[in-house]
Amino acid sequence: MAGVKLDGAGAQKMKTIEEALSTVQTIHGHVERMAIDVKNQRGVGVIPGQIKRIATPLQGQLKGQFGLIADQVSNMIIAMGRGGGEQMKVRVLRESVALLRTALEIAAAKVKEQHSVKIETSDD
């Protein structure tokens, strides 16, 4: 019987992707809290700052292995600093989170495809 596992580089990349997906999920929660505050016409308070604080290490974490995805995180951080209404920022943040999640899922599929190693097991 033959099985498939990831080589060392693939395992490290998958670990990075899994951690990044977890961080993106946290960012998504903050974005949705911000959206609720905007919808109820309340101030968003410190939520944009919290999102930046979470996203900045994510950008650094992804930079070494997934530069294009790290650039998407950078674009999200820059978009948060721009002027404009809070509703527009919520829209941009939602789009950014969706793009990041999709890019990370595609990267995970590519890592599995490129770094899979067949292992042989004997039937005794």
C-alpha atoms as a PDB file:
ATOM      1  CA  MET A   1       0.000   0.000   0.000  1.00  0.00           C
ATOM      2  CA  ALA A   2       1.204   3.513  -0.750  1.00  0.00           C
ATOM      3  CA  GLY A   3       0.536   6.590   1.318  1.00  0.00           C
ATOM      4  CA  VAL A   4       1.312  10.249   0.891  1.00  0.00           C
ATOM      5  CA  LYS A   5       2.916  12.664   3.324  1.00  0.00           C
ATOM      6  CA  LEU A   6       4.562  16.078   3.084  1.00  0.00           C
ATOM      7  CA  ASP A   7       8.310  16.588   3.059  1.00  0.00           C
ATOM      8  CA  GLY A   8       9.948  18.878   5.636  1.00  0.00           C
ATOM      9  CA  ALA A   9       9.565  22.104   3.673  1.00  0.00           C
ATOM     10  CA  GLY A  10       5.944  21.277   2.873  1.00  0.00           C
ATOM     11  CA  ALA A  11       5.158  20.554   6.518  1.00  0.00           C
ATOM     12  CA  GLN A  12       6.649  23.895   7.559  1.00  0.00           C
ATOM     13  CA  LYS A  13       4.694  25.747   4.882  1.00  0.00           C
ATOM     14  CA  MET A  14       1.457  24.033   5.942  1.00  0.00           C
ATOM     15  CA  LYS A  15       2.114  25.019   9.563  1.00  0.00           C
ATOM     16  CA  THR A  16       2.556  28.645   8.444  1.00  0.00           C
ATOM     17  CA  ILE A  17      -0.655  28.490   6.409  1.00  0.00           C
ATOM     18  CA  GLU A  18      -2.638  26.991   9.304  1.00  0.00           C
ATOM     19  CA  GLU A  19      -1.409  29.681  11.708  1.00  0.00           C
ATOM     20  CA  ALA A  20      -2.194  32.366   9.136  1.00  0.00           C
ATOM     21  CA  LEU A  21      -5.727  31.013   8.615  1.00  0.00           C
ATOM     22  CA  SER A  22      -6.282  31.140  12.366  1.00  0.00           C
ATOM     23  CA  THR A  23      -5.102  34.756  12.464  1.00  0.00           C
ATOM     24  CA  VAL A  24      -7.293  35.663   9.480  1.00  0.00           C
ATOM     25  CA  GLN A  25     -10.261  34.165  11.338  1.00  0.00           C
ATOM     26  CA  THR A  26      -9.484  36.414  14.320  1.00  0.00           C
ATOM     27  CA  ILE A  27      -9.270  39.439  12.013  1.00  0.00           C
ATOM     28  CA  HIS A  28     -12.588  38.428  10.475  1.00  0.00           C
ATOM     29  CA  GLY A  29     -14.211  38.438  13.906  1.00  0.00           C
ATOM     30  CA  HIS A  30     -12.960  41.970  14.564  1.00  0.00           C
ATOM     31  CA  VAL A  31     -14.140  43.134  11.132  1.00  0.00           C
ATOM     32  CA  GLU A  32     -17.628  41.789  11.776  1.00  0.00           C
ATOM     33  CA  ARG A  33     -17.717  43.467  15.194  1.00  0.00           C
ATOM     34  CA  MET A  34     -16.732  46.701  13.464  1.00  0.00           C
ATOM     35  CA  ALA A  35     -19.479  46.165  10.873  1.00  0.00           C
ATOM     36  CA  ILE A  36     -22.080  45.743  13.603  1.00  0.00           C
ATOM     37  CA  ASP A  37     -20.929  48.952  15.290  1.00  0.00           C
ATOM     38  CA  VAL A  38     -21.082  50.847  11.996  1.00  0.00           C
ATOM     39  CA  LYS A  39     -24.539  49.453  11.221  1.00  0.00           C
ATOM     40  CA  ASN A  40     -25.822  50.521  14.654  1.00  0.00           C
ATOM     41  CA  GLN A  41     -24.232  53.948  14.153  1.00  0.00           C
ATOM     42  CA  ARG A  42     -21.846  53.593  17.055  1.00  0.00           C
ATOM     43  CA  GLY A  43     -18.197  54.525  17.028  1.00  0.00           C
ATOM     44  CA  VAL A  44     -15.816  51.737  16.088  1.00  0.00           C
ATOM     45  CA  GLY A  45     -13.454  52.691  18.892  1.00  0.00           C
ATOM     46  CA  VAL A  46     -10.218  50.739  19.013  1.00  0.00           C
ATOM     47  CA  ILE A  47     -11.210  47.972  16.595  1.00  0.00           C
ATOM     48  CA  PRO A  48      -9.184  49.316  13.622  1.00  0.00           C
ATOM     49  CA  GLY A  49      -6.110  49.538  15.839  1.00  0.00           C
ATOM     50  CA  GLN A  50      -6.647  45.979  17.040  1.00  0.00           C
ATOM     51  CA  ILE A  51      -6.923  44.750  13.461  1.00  0.00           C
ATOM     52  CA  LYS A  52      -3.651  46.498  12.551  1.00  0.00           C
ATOM     53  CA  ARG A  53      -1.941  45.008  15.614  1.00  0.00           C
ATOM     54  CA  ILE A  54      -3.046  41.523  14.594  1.00  0.00           C
ATOM     55  CA  ALA A  55      -2.306  41.935  10.875  1.00  0.00           C
ATOM     56  CA  THR A  56       1.213  43.336  11.188  1.00  0.00           C
ATOM     57  CA  PRO A  57       2.824  40.156  12.610  1.00  0.00           C
ATOM     58  CA  LEU A  58       0.814  38.118  10.091  1.00  0.00           C
ATOM     59  CA  GLN A  59       2.420  40.076   7.277  1.00  0.00           C
ATOM     60  CA  GLY A  60       5.883  39.359   8.691  1.00  0.00           C
ATOM     61  CA  GLN A  61       5.091  35.692   9.195  1.00  0.00           C
ATOM     62  CA  LEU A  62       3.985  35.233   5.585  1.00  0.00           C
ATOM     63  CA  LYS A  63       6.702  37.353   3.979  1.00  0.00           C
ATOM     64  CA  GLY A  64       9.390  34.673   3.855  1.00  0.00           C
ATOM     65  CA  GLN A  65       7.394  31.897   2.229  1.00  0.00           C
ATOM     66  CA  PHE A  66       4.335  33.559   0.681  1.00  0.00           C
ATOM     67  CA  GLY A  67       5.369  37.032  -0.450  1.00  0.00           C
ATOM     68  CA  LEU A  68       2.308  37.769  -2.574  1.00  0.00           C
ATOM     69  CA  ILE A  69      -0.070  36.915   0.254  1.00  0.00           C
ATOM     70  CA  ALA A  70       2.018  39.075   2.608  1.00  0.00           C
ATOM     71  CA  ASP A  71       1.564  41.922   0.118  1.00  0.00           C
ATOM     72  CA  GLN A  72      -2.208  41.452   0.345  1.00  0.00           C
ATOM     73  CA  VAL A  73      -1.970  41.809   4.123  1.00  0.00           C
ATOM     74  CA  SER A  74       0.095  44.976   3.653  1.00  0.00           C
ATOM     75  CA  ASN A  75      -2.538  46.365   1.300  1.00  0.00           C
ATOM     76  CA  MET A  76      -5.210  45.698   3.917  1.00  0.00           C
ATOM     77  CA  ILE A  77      -3.189  47.533   6.572  1.00  0.00           C
ATOM     78  CA  ILE A  78      -2.649  50.490   4.244  1.00  0.00           C
ATOM     79  CA  ALA A  79      -6.341  50.600   3.288  1.00  0.00           C
ATOM     80  CA  MET A  80      -7.278  50.864   6.958  1.00  0.00           C
ATOM     81  CA  GLY A  81      -5.169  53.997   7.311  1.00  0.00           C
ATOM     82  CA  ARG A  82      -6.778  55.779   4.405  1.00  0.00           C
ATOM     83  CA  GLY A  83      -9.482  58.332   4.857  1.00  0.00           C
ATOM     84  CA  GLY A  84     -13.073  57.705   4.009  1.00  0.00           C
ATOM     85  CA  GLY A  85     -16.167  56.554   5.773  1.00  0.00           C
ATOM     86  CA  GLU A  86     -16.292  53.687   8.180  1.00  0.00           C
ATOM     87  CA  GLN A  87     -18.750  51.809   5.956  1.00  0.00           C
ATOM     88  CA  MET A  88     -16.215  51.905   3.128  1.00  0.00           C
ATOM     89  CA  LYS A  89     -13.486  50.611   5.435  1.00  0.00           C
ATOM     90  CA  VAL A  90     -15.716  47.720   6.512  1.00  0.00           C
ATOM     91  CA  ARG A  91     -16.318  46.828   2.876  1.00  0.00           C
ATOM     92  CA  VAL A  92     -12.598  46.932   2.067  1.00  0.00           C
ATOM     93  CA  LEU A  93     -11.753  44.860   5.143  1.00  0.00           C
ATOM     94  CA  ARG A  94     -14.358  42.228   4.285  1.00  0.00           C
ATOM     95  CA  GLU A  95     -12.977  41.953   0.758  1.00  0.00           C
ATOM     96  CA  SER A  96      -9.430  41.738   2.101  1.00  0.00           C
ATOM     97  CA  VAL A  97     -10.325  38.939   4.513  1.00  0.00           C
ATOM     98  CA  ALA A  98     -12.037  37.003   1.717  1.00  0.00           C
ATOM     99  CA  LEU A  99      -9.013  37.465  -0.578  1.00  0.00           C
ATOM    100  CA  LEU A 100      -6.608  36.352   2.144  1.00  0.00           C
ATOM    101  CA  ARG A 101      -8.627  33.267   2.997  1.00  0.00           C
ATOM    102  CA  THR A 102      -8.889  32.280  -0.664  1.00  0.00           C
ATOM    103  CA  ALA A 103      -5.184  32.899  -1.300  1.00  0.00           C
ATOM    104  CA  LEU A 104      -4.204  30.808   1.730  1.00  0.00           C
ATOM    105  CA  GLU A 105      -6.460  27.934   0.661  1.00  0.00           C
ATOM    106  CA  ILE A 106      -4.973  27.997  -2.839  1.00  0.00           C
ATOM    107  CA  ALA A 107      -1.464  28.081  -1.358  1.00  0.00           C
ATOM    108  CA  ALA A 108      -2.304  25.078   0.831  1.00  0.00           C
ATOM    109  CA  ALA A 109      -3.464  23.113  -2.217  1.00  0.00           C
ATOM    110  CA  LYS A 110      -0.250  24.004  -4.086  1.00  0.00           C
ATOM    111  CA  VAL A 111       1.915  22.989  -1.125  1.00  0.00           C
ATOM    112  CA  LYS A 112       0.144  19.619  -0.917  1.00  0.00           C
ATOM    113  CA  GLU A 113       0.634  19.128  -4.645  1.00  0.00           C
ATOM    114  CA  GLN A 114       4.295  20.191  -4.781  1.00  0.00           C
ATOM    115  CA  HIS A 115       5.593  18.719  -1.524  1.00  0.00           C
ATOM    116  CA  SER A 116       3.813  15.383  -1.301  1.00  0.00           C
ATOM    117  CA  VAL A 117       6.038  12.339  -1.000  1.00  0.00           C
ATOM    118  CA  LYS A 118       4.805   8.835  -1.550  1.00  0.00           C
ATOM    119  CA  ILE A 119       5.592   6.398   1.199  1.00  0.00           C
ATOM    120  CA  GLU A 120       5.489   2.647   0.799  1.00  0.00           C
ATOM    121  CA  THR A 121       4.129   0.455   3.517  1.00  0.00           C
ATOM    122  CA  SER A 122       4.471  -3.288   3.480  1.00  0.00           C
ATOM    123  CA  ASP A 123       1.563  -5.632   4.020  1.00  0.00           C
ATOM    124  CA  ASP A 124       2.584  -8.302   6.510  1.00  0.00           C
END
